[in-house]
């Protein structure tokens, strides 16, 4: 009827045991799914890297054109000396 210390300890061990079994099952499922997720994201990362390379080339071209325009018009960012 009433729970003594022995029964309470067993009840807590059962609850925590059930929690840890649930936790292990979740971790096992994640451990199995993780490689598929990583290999699936590799293609996306390759696409992102390719786009980043294109962006860097465009920025480099813009910088070269700006520098060429500044040189042809003799514009410099140096302060004028009086």
N, C-alpha and C. Protein backbone atom coordinates (compact mmCIF):
# COMPACT_ATOMS: atom_id res chain seq x y z
N UNK A 1 0.80 -1.18 0.00
CA UNK A 1 0.00 0.00 0.00
C UNK A 1 0.85 1.26 0.00
N UNK A 2 1.63 1.41 1.07
CA UNK A 2 2.52 2.56 1.11
C UNK A 2 3.86 2.17 0.52
N UNK A 3 4.52 3.17 -0.08
CA UNK A 3 5.81 2.89 -0.68
C UNK A 3 6.89 3.11 0.36
N UNK A 4 7.70 2.13 0.58
CA UNK A 4 8.85 2.33 1.45
C UNK A 4 10.05 2.67 0.60
N UNK A 5 11.20 2.80 1.22
CA UNK A 5 12.40 3.21 0.48
C UNK A 5 12.76 2.23 -0.62
N UNK A 6 12.63 0.99 -0.39
CA UNK A 6 12.98 -0.02 -1.39
C UNK A 6 12.11 0.08 -2.62
N UNK A 7 10.83 0.25 -2.42
CA UNK A 7 9.92 0.36 -3.56
C UNK A 7 10.11 1.67 -4.32
N UNK A 8 10.42 2.75 -3.59
CA UNK A 8 10.66 4.03 -4.26
C UNK A 8 11.90 3.97 -5.11
N UNK A 9 12.95 3.35 -4.60
CA UNK A 9 14.19 3.24 -5.37
C UNK A 9 13.94 2.43 -6.64
N UNK A 10 13.17 1.38 -6.52
CA UNK A 10 12.85 0.56 -7.69
C UNK A 10 12.02 1.36 -8.69
N UNK A 11 11.09 2.14 -8.20
CA UNK A 11 10.26 2.95 -9.08
C UNK A 11 11.10 3.99 -9.81
N UNK A 12 12.02 4.64 -9.09
CA UNK A 12 12.88 5.63 -9.75
C UNK A 12 13.82 4.97 -10.74
N UNK A 13 14.35 3.81 -10.37
CA UNK A 13 15.25 3.12 -11.29
C UNK A 13 14.49 2.71 -12.55
N UNK A 14 13.25 2.31 -12.40
CA UNK A 14 12.45 1.94 -13.57
C UNK A 14 12.18 3.13 -14.46
N UNK A 15 11.87 4.29 -13.86
CA UNK A 15 11.59 5.49 -14.65
C UNK A 15 12.86 5.98 -15.34
N UNK A 16 13.96 6.03 -14.60
CA UNK A 16 15.22 6.47 -15.22
C UNK A 16 15.73 5.46 -16.23
N UNK A 17 15.52 4.18 -15.95
CA UNK A 17 15.92 3.16 -16.91
C UNK A 17 15.15 3.29 -18.20
N UNK A 18 13.86 3.53 -18.10
CA UNK A 18 13.04 3.73 -19.28
C UNK A 18 13.49 4.97 -20.05
N UNK A 19 13.82 6.03 -19.33
CA UNK A 19 14.32 7.25 -19.97
C UNK A 19 15.63 6.97 -20.72
N UNK A 20 16.55 6.25 -20.08
CA UNK A 20 17.84 5.98 -20.72
C UNK A 20 17.69 5.03 -21.90
N UNK A 21 16.79 4.09 -21.84
CA UNK A 21 16.53 3.22 -22.99
C UNK A 21 15.99 4.07 -24.14
N UNK A 22 15.06 4.96 -23.85
CA UNK A 22 14.52 5.85 -24.88
C UNK A 22 15.64 6.72 -25.46
N UNK A 23 16.50 7.25 -24.60
CA UNK A 23 17.62 8.08 -25.06
C UNK A 23 18.56 7.29 -25.96
N UNK A 24 18.88 6.06 -25.59
CA UNK A 24 19.76 5.23 -26.40
C UNK A 24 19.12 4.91 -27.75
N UNK A 25 17.84 4.67 -27.78
CA UNK A 25 17.16 4.39 -29.04
C UNK A 25 17.23 5.62 -29.96
N UNK A 26 16.99 6.80 -29.41
CA UNK A 26 17.07 8.03 -30.20
C UNK A 26 18.49 8.23 -30.73
N UNK A 27 19.49 8.04 -29.87
CA UNK A 27 20.88 8.19 -30.31
C UNK A 27 21.25 7.16 -31.36
N UNK A 28 20.77 5.95 -31.22
CA UNK A 28 21.05 4.91 -32.21
C UNK A 28 20.44 5.28 -33.57
N UNK A 29 19.22 5.77 -33.56
CA UNK A 29 18.57 6.18 -34.81
C UNK A 29 19.35 7.34 -35.46
N UNK A 30 19.75 8.31 -34.65
CA UNK A 30 20.54 9.43 -35.19
C UNK A 30 21.87 8.94 -35.74
N UNK A 31 22.50 8.00 -35.06
CA UNK A 31 23.80 7.46 -35.48
C UNK A 31 23.67 6.74 -36.82
N UNK A 32 22.54 6.08 -37.04
CA UNK A 32 22.33 5.38 -38.30
C UNK A 32 22.01 6.37 -39.42
N UNK A 33 21.25 7.42 -39.13
CA UNK A 33 20.82 8.38 -40.15
C UNK A 33 21.93 9.37 -40.52
N UNK A 34 22.82 9.68 -39.61
CA UNK A 34 23.84 10.72 -39.81
C UNK A 34 24.68 10.53 -41.07
N UNK A 35 25.21 9.35 -41.37
CA UNK A 35 26.02 9.22 -42.60
C UNK A 35 25.24 9.56 -43.86
N UNK A 36 23.97 9.17 -43.91
CA UNK A 36 23.18 9.49 -45.10
C UNK A 36 22.97 11.00 -45.23
N UNK A 37 22.81 11.67 -44.10
CA UNK A 37 22.65 13.12 -44.11
C UNK A 37 23.94 13.79 -44.60
N UNK A 38 25.07 13.32 -44.11
CA UNK A 38 26.36 13.92 -44.50
C UNK A 38 26.61 13.72 -45.99
N UNK A 39 26.39 12.50 -46.49
CA UNK A 39 26.61 12.27 -47.91
C UNK A 39 25.60 13.01 -48.77
N UNK A 40 24.42 13.23 -48.26
CA UNK A 40 23.42 13.99 -49.00
C UNK A 40 23.77 15.46 -49.09
N UNK A 41 24.44 15.98 -48.09
CA UNK A 41 24.76 17.41 -48.07
C UNK A 41 26.04 17.71 -48.85
N UNK A 42 26.82 16.67 -49.20
CA UNK A 42 28.05 16.90 -49.95
C UNK A 42 27.78 17.56 -51.30
N UNK A 43 26.75 17.13 -52.00
CA UNK A 43 26.42 17.73 -53.29
C UNK A 43 26.03 19.19 -53.15
N UNK A 44 25.27 19.49 -52.12
CA UNK A 44 24.86 20.87 -51.88
C UNK A 44 26.09 21.73 -51.57
N UNK A 45 27.01 21.19 -50.79
CA UNK A 45 28.22 21.95 -50.45
C UNK A 45 29.08 22.20 -51.69
N UNK A 46 29.13 21.22 -52.61
CA UNK A 46 29.88 21.42 -53.86
C UNK A 46 29.26 22.55 -54.68
N UNK A 47 27.93 22.58 -54.74
CA UNK A 47 27.24 23.65 -55.47
C UNK A 47 27.52 25.02 -54.84
N UNK A 48 27.49 25.08 -53.54
CA UNK A 48 27.76 26.34 -52.83
C UNK A 48 29.19 26.79 -53.09
N UNK A 49 30.13 25.85 -53.05
CA UNK A 49 31.53 26.19 -53.30
C UNK A 49 31.73 26.71 -54.71
N UNK A 50 31.07 26.10 -55.68
CA UNK A 50 31.17 26.55 -57.07
C UNK A 50 30.62 27.96 -57.22
N UNK A 51 29.48 28.24 -56.61
CA UNK A 51 28.90 29.59 -56.67
C UNK A 51 29.81 30.61 -55.99
N UNK A 52 30.44 30.20 -54.90
CA UNK A 52 31.35 31.11 -54.20
C UNK A 52 32.56 31.44 -55.08
N UNK A 53 33.05 30.44 -55.81
CA UNK A 53 34.18 30.69 -56.71
C UNK A 53 33.78 31.67 -57.81
N UNK A 54 32.56 31.49 -58.36
CA UNK A 54 32.08 32.42 -59.39
C UNK A 54 31.97 33.84 -58.84
N UNK A 55 31.45 33.96 -57.62
CA UNK A 55 31.31 35.27 -56.99
C UNK A 55 32.68 35.91 -56.79
N UNK A 56 33.65 35.14 -56.34
CA UNK A 56 34.99 35.68 -56.14
C UNK A 56 35.60 36.16 -57.45
N UNK A 57 35.38 35.41 -58.54
CA UNK A 57 35.90 35.83 -59.84
C UNK A 57 35.23 37.14 -60.28
N UNK A 58 33.92 37.25 -60.09
CA UNK A 58 33.22 38.49 -60.45
C UNK A 58 33.74 39.67 -59.63
N UNK A 59 33.94 39.45 -58.35
CA UNK A 59 34.47 40.53 -57.51
C UNK A 59 35.88 40.92 -57.92
N UNK A 60 36.69 39.93 -58.28
CA UNK A 60 38.05 40.21 -58.73
C UNK A 60 38.02 41.03 -60.01
N UNK A 61 37.14 40.66 -60.95
CA UNK A 61 37.01 41.42 -62.20
C UNK A 61 36.56 42.85 -61.93
N UNK A 62 35.60 43.01 -61.01
CA UNK A 62 35.14 44.37 -60.67
C UNK A 62 36.27 45.20 -60.08
N UNK A 63 37.08 44.58 -59.24
CA UNK A 63 38.20 45.30 -58.63
C UNK A 63 39.22 45.71 -59.69
N UNK A 64 39.54 44.78 -60.61
CA UNK A 64 40.49 45.11 -61.67
C UNK A 64 39.97 46.24 -62.56
N UNK A 65 38.67 46.20 -62.89
CA UNK A 65 38.10 47.27 -63.71
C UNK A 65 38.13 48.60 -62.98
N UNK A 66 37.84 48.60 -61.68
CA UNK A 66 37.88 49.84 -60.90
C UNK A 66 39.29 50.39 -60.84
N UNK A 67 40.25 49.50 -60.59
CA UNK A 67 41.65 49.96 -60.53
C UNK A 67 42.11 50.48 -61.88
N UNK A 68 41.70 49.83 -62.95
CA UNK A 68 42.09 50.30 -64.29
C UNK A 68 41.46 51.65 -64.58
N UNK A 69 40.22 51.86 -64.18
CA UNK A 69 39.56 53.14 -64.39
C UNK A 69 40.23 54.22 -63.55
N UNK A 70 40.61 53.91 -62.32
CA UNK A 70 41.28 54.89 -61.46
C UNK A 70 42.64 55.27 -62.03
N UNK A 71 43.35 54.29 -62.57
CA UNK A 71 44.67 54.57 -63.13
C UNK A 71 44.54 55.42 -64.39
N UNK A 72 43.54 55.11 -65.23
CA UNK A 72 43.39 55.85 -66.49
C UNK A 72 42.96 57.29 -66.24
N UNK A 73 42.25 57.55 -65.15
CA UNK A 73 41.83 58.92 -64.85
C UNK A 73 42.72 59.56 -63.80
N UNK A 74 43.80 58.89 -63.43
CA UNK A 74 44.75 59.36 -62.43
C UNK A 74 44.09 59.65 -61.09
N UNK A 75 43.08 58.90 -60.74
CA UNK A 75 42.45 59.04 -59.43
C UNK A 75 43.22 58.17 -58.45
N UNK A 76 43.53 58.75 -57.35
CA UNK A 76 44.15 57.98 -56.29
C UNK A 76 43.45 58.34 -54.99
N UNK A 77 43.60 57.52 -54.03
CA UNK A 77 42.99 57.78 -52.74
C UNK A 77 43.95 58.51 -51.81
N UNK A 78 45.05 58.99 -52.34
CA UNK A 78 46.00 59.71 -51.51
C UNK A 78 45.51 61.14 -51.29
N UNK A 79 45.73 61.70 -50.12
CA UNK A 79 45.29 63.08 -49.88
C UNK A 79 46.14 64.06 -50.69
N UNK A 80 45.52 65.14 -51.10
CA UNK A 80 46.24 66.16 -51.87
C UNK A 80 47.14 66.95 -50.95
N UNK A 81 48.32 67.25 -51.45
CA UNK A 81 49.25 68.05 -50.66
C UNK A 81 49.16 69.51 -51.12
N UNK A 82 49.04 70.39 -50.17
CA UNK A 82 48.95 71.82 -50.51
C UNK A 82 50.28 72.49 -50.49
